[in-house]
Amino acid sequence: MIIPFVWGILSQHILIGVVLSGAGWWGLKKAKAGRATSWLLHLAYWHLPAGFTGMKATPPSYLRLMAG
């Protein structure tokens, strides 16, 4: 929520930055509503491109038991 606020300060539109920060906070609160924080990570894993989740490559589907 800090990015919209900082953008508002840097572009001299503080009110817009505060409003965007508040909207982002409200949206995050609604997205988490009664669920664990990890729920958002699972949602990001399935719906965002691979670069966002940190996995560079997924193992093949036939590999059920991995060493480690």
Foldseek 3Di string as FASTA:
>chain_A
DVVLCVVCVVVVNNVRSVVVVVVVVVVVCVVPPVHDPCVVLVVCCPPPDPVVNPDPDDDDPVDDDDDD
